[in-house]
């Protein structure tokens, strides 16, 4: 096996490495130049409180919830 330092092949390896680094730098510069920063609107949440329902409405809702949704069979087969 030949020593790349003695045969002059090290120049090719350094040129390849430098080329890769230059391409990476160019892609980084292109991505920062063409990347448009969009202004993001600040989200505003409503801080007003909702009035609670009447007690009668709550009772009717609770009775509706307690009723079974499905009718069971009279006999188990």
N, C-alpha and C. Protein backbone atom coordinates (compact mmCIF):
# COMPACT_ATOMS: atom_id res chain seq x y z
N UNK A 1 0.86 -1.18 0.00
CA UNK A 1 0.00 0.00 0.00
C UNK A 1 0.90 1.23 0.00
N UNK A 2 0.54 2.18 -0.81
CA UNK A 2 1.35 3.39 -0.92
C UNK A 2 0.92 4.43 0.09
N UNK A 3 1.87 5.19 0.54
CA UNK A 3 1.59 6.28 1.47
C UNK A 3 1.05 7.46 0.67
N UNK A 4 -0.18 7.94 0.99
CA UNK A 4 -0.75 9.03 0.20
C UNK A 4 0.03 10.33 0.33
N UNK A 5 0.78 10.49 1.42
CA UNK A 5 1.56 11.71 1.59
C UNK A 5 2.75 11.74 0.62
N UNK A 6 3.29 10.58 0.34
CA UNK A 6 4.46 10.51 -0.55
C UNK A 6 4.06 10.51 -2.02
N UNK A 7 2.90 9.90 -2.35
CA UNK A 7 2.53 9.78 -3.75
C UNK A 7 1.80 11.02 -4.28
N UNK A 8 1.44 11.96 -3.43
CA UNK A 8 0.78 13.17 -3.88
C UNK A 8 -0.74 13.06 -3.92
N UNK A 9 -1.30 11.96 -3.46
CA UNK A 9 -2.76 11.81 -3.47
C UNK A 9 -3.43 12.61 -2.36
N UNK A 10 -2.64 13.04 -1.38
CA UNK A 10 -3.24 13.80 -0.29
C UNK A 10 -3.86 15.09 -0.79
N UNK A 11 -3.35 15.64 -1.88
CA UNK A 11 -3.92 16.86 -2.45
C UNK A 11 -5.35 16.61 -2.92
N UNK A 12 -5.60 15.44 -3.47
CA UNK A 12 -6.95 15.09 -3.93
C UNK A 12 -7.91 14.98 -2.74
N UNK A 13 -7.44 14.37 -1.65
CA UNK A 13 -8.29 14.22 -0.47
C UNK A 13 -8.60 15.58 0.15
N UNK A 14 -7.58 16.44 0.21
CA UNK A 14 -7.80 17.78 0.77
C UNK A 14 -8.72 18.60 -0.13
N UNK A 15 -8.58 18.46 -1.44
CA UNK A 15 -9.46 19.17 -2.37
C UNK A 15 -10.90 18.68 -2.23
N UNK A 16 -11.08 17.36 -2.06
CA UNK A 16 -12.43 16.82 -1.86
C UNK A 16 -13.03 17.34 -0.57
N UNK A 17 -12.27 17.33 0.51
CA UNK A 17 -12.75 17.83 1.80
C UNK A 17 -13.09 19.32 1.70
N UNK A 18 -12.25 20.10 1.07
CA UNK A 18 -12.50 21.53 0.93
C UNK A 18 -13.74 21.77 0.07
N UNK A 19 -13.92 20.97 -0.96
CA UNK A 19 -15.11 21.11 -1.80
C UNK A 19 -16.38 20.83 -1.04
N UNK A 20 -16.37 19.81 -0.20
CA UNK A 20 -17.55 19.48 0.61
C UNK A 20 -17.85 20.60 1.59
N UNK A 21 -16.81 21.15 2.22
CA UNK A 21 -17.01 22.25 3.17
C UNK A 21 -17.57 23.48 2.45
N UNK A 22 -17.06 23.78 1.28
CA UNK A 22 -17.55 24.94 0.53
C UNK A 22 -19.01 24.75 0.14
N UNK A 23 -19.37 23.56 -0.29
CA UNK A 23 -20.77 23.29 -0.65
C UNK A 23 -21.68 23.43 0.56
N UNK A 24 -21.23 22.95 1.73
CA UNK A 24 -22.03 23.09 2.95
C UNK A 24 -22.22 24.56 3.30
N UNK A 25 -21.16 25.34 3.17
CA UNK A 25 -21.26 26.77 3.48
C UNK A 25 -22.21 27.47 2.50
N UNK A 26 -22.14 27.11 1.23
CA UNK A 26 -23.04 27.71 0.24
C UNK A 26 -24.50 27.37 0.51
N UNK A 27 -24.77 26.12 0.88
CA UNK A 27 -26.15 25.75 1.20
C UNK A 27 -26.64 26.48 2.44
N UNK A 28 -25.77 26.66 3.44
CA UNK A 28 -26.16 27.38 4.64
C UNK A 28 -26.48 28.83 4.31
N UNK A 29 -25.63 29.46 3.51
CA UNK A 29 -25.87 30.86 3.13
C UNK A 29 -27.15 30.99 2.31
N UNK A 30 -27.39 30.05 1.40
CA UNK A 30 -28.59 30.11 0.58
C UNK A 30 -29.84 29.92 1.43
N UNK A 31 -29.77 29.04 2.41
CA UNK A 31 -30.95 28.82 3.25
C UNK A 31 -31.25 30.02 4.14
N UNK A 32 -30.20 30.73 4.58
CA UNK A 32 -30.46 31.90 5.42
C UNK A 32 -30.90 33.09 4.59
N UNK A 33 -30.44 33.22 3.36
CA UNK A 33 -30.82 34.35 2.52
C UNK A 33 -32.25 34.24 2.02
N UNK A 34 -32.65 33.04 1.60
CA UNK A 34 -33.96 32.85 0.98
C UNK A 34 -35.03 32.46 1.98
N UNK A 35 -34.68 32.33 3.24
CA UNK A 35 -35.67 31.97 4.26
C UNK A 35 -36.37 33.25 4.70
N UNK A 36 -37.65 33.36 4.41
CA UNK A 36 -38.42 34.54 4.78
C UNK A 36 -39.07 34.31 6.13
N UNK A 37 -38.83 35.22 7.05
CA UNK A 37 -39.43 35.12 8.36
C UNK A 37 -40.81 35.75 8.32
N UNK A 38 -41.81 34.96 8.60
CA UNK A 38 -43.18 35.46 8.60
C UNK A 38 -43.52 36.00 9.98
N UNK A 39 -44.23 37.10 10.00
CA UNK A 39 -44.67 37.65 11.27
C UNK A 39 -45.84 36.82 11.78
N UNK A 40 -45.70 36.34 12.99
CA UNK A 40 -46.74 35.51 13.59
C UNK A 40 -47.56 36.39 14.51
N UNK A 41 -48.88 36.37 14.30
CA UNK A 41 -49.76 37.18 15.14
C UNK A 41 -49.82 36.59 16.53
N UNK A 42 -49.86 37.48 17.50
CA UNK A 42 -49.95 37.05 18.89
C UNK A 42 -51.37 36.58 19.16
N UNK A 43 -51.50 35.42 19.79
CA UNK A 43 -52.83 34.89 20.07
C UNK A 43 -53.40 35.57 21.31
N UNK A 44 -54.65 35.95 21.20
CA UNK A 44 -55.33 36.61 22.31
C UNK A 44 -56.46 35.70 22.76
N UNK A 45 -56.48 35.40 24.03
CA UNK A 45 -57.51 34.53 24.59
C UNK A 45 -58.54 35.39 25.32
N UNK A 46 -59.79 34.99 25.21
CA UNK A 46 -60.86 35.71 25.88
C UNK A 46 -60.77 35.44 27.38
N UNK A 47 -60.74 36.50 28.15
CA UNK A 47 -60.61 36.35 29.59
C UNK A 47 -61.93 36.52 30.31
N UNK A 48 -63.00 36.72 29.58
CA UNK A 48 -64.30 36.89 30.24
C UNK A 48 -64.80 35.53 30.69
N UNK A 49 -65.46 35.50 31.82
CA UNK A 49 -65.98 34.26 32.35
C UNK A 49 -67.41 34.04 31.86
N UNK A 50 -67.77 32.80 31.69
CA UNK A 50 -69.11 32.45 31.23
C UNK A 50 -69.98 32.24 32.46
N UNK A 51 -71.19 32.79 32.44
CA UNK A 51 -72.09 32.63 33.57
C UNK A 51 -72.55 31.17 33.65
N UNK A 52 -72.70 30.68 34.87
CA UNK A 52 -73.14 29.31 35.06
C UNK A 52 -74.62 29.18 34.75
N UNK A 53 -75.01 27.97 34.43
CA UNK A 53 -76.41 27.72 34.09
C UNK A 53 -77.26 27.68 35.35
N UNK A 54 -78.53 27.75 35.16
CA UNK A 54 -79.46 27.66 36.30
C UNK A 54 -79.39 26.28 36.91
N UNK A 55 -79.78 26.19 38.16
CA UNK A 55 -79.75 24.93 38.88
C UNK A 55 -80.70 23.92 38.24
N UNK A 56 -81.84 24.36 37.75
CA UNK A 56 -82.81 23.45 37.13
C UNK A 56 -82.23 22.81 35.87
N UNK A 57 -81.51 23.58 35.08
CA UNK A 57 -80.91 23.02 33.87
C UNK A 57 -79.85 21.99 34.22
N UNK A 58 -79.12 22.21 35.30
CA UNK A 58 -78.10 21.25 35.72
C UNK A 58 -78.75 19.94 36.15
N UNK A 59 -79.86 20.03 36.85
CA UNK A 59 -80.54 18.83 37.34
C UNK A 59 -81.06 18.01 36.16
N UNK A 60 -81.62 18.67 35.17
CA UNK A 60 -82.15 17.94 34.02
C UNK A 60 -81.02 17.29 33.23
N UNK A 61 -79.91 17.96 33.15
CA UNK A 61 -78.78 17.37 32.44
C UNK A 61 -78.25 16.15 33.19
N UNK A 62 -78.21 16.22 34.53
CA UNK A 62 -77.71 15.10 35.32
C UNK A 62 -78.64 13.89 35.19
N UNK A 63 -79.96 14.11 35.14
CA UNK A 63 -80.88 12.99 35.01
C UNK A 63 -80.75 12.37 33.63
N UNK A 64 -80.50 13.16 32.62
CA UNK A 64 -80.32 12.62 31.29
C UNK A 64 -79.04 11.79 31.20
N UNK A 65 -78.04 12.19 31.90
CA UNK A 65 -76.77 11.46 31.89
C UNK A 65 -76.92 10.13 32.61
N UNK A 66 -77.69 10.10 33.69
CA UNK A 66 -77.82 8.88 34.48
C UNK A 66 -78.68 7.83 33.77
N UNK A 67 -79.51 8.21 32.83
CA UNK A 67 -80.34 7.25 32.10
C UNK A 67 -79.45 6.41 31.19
N UNK A 68 -79.70 5.10 31.13
CA UNK A 68 -78.86 4.24 30.28
C UNK A 68 -79.07 4.56 28.80
N UNK A 69 -77.99 4.45 28.06
CA UNK A 69 -78.07 4.75 26.64
C UNK A 69 -78.60 3.56 25.83
N UNK A 70 -78.42 2.34 26.36
CA UNK A 70 -78.83 1.14 25.65
C UNK A 70 -79.81 0.36 26.51
N UNK A 71 -80.78 -0.26 25.86
CA UNK A 71 -81.74 -1.08 26.59
C UNK A 71 -81.20 -2.50 26.61
N UNK A 72 -81.14 -3.08 27.80
CA UNK A 72 -80.65 -4.43 27.96
C UNK A 72 -81.78 -5.43 27.70
N UNK A 73 -81.41 -6.63 27.36
CA UNK A 73 -82.40 -7.68 27.13
C UNK A 73 -82.99 -8.14 28.45
N UNK A 74 -84.25 -8.63 28.39
CA UNK A 74 -84.89 -9.12 29.61
C UNK A 74 -84.27 -10.43 30.06
N UNK A 75 -83.93 -11.29 29.13
CA UNK A 75 -83.35 -12.59 29.47
C UNK A 75 -81.90 -12.62 29.00
N UNK A 76 -81.06 -13.33 29.76
CA UNK A 76 -79.68 -13.56 29.35
C UNK A 76 -79.62 -14.89 28.66
N UNK A 77 -79.14 -14.96 27.46
CA UNK A 77 -79.10 -16.22 26.72
C UNK A 77 -77.76 -16.87 26.85
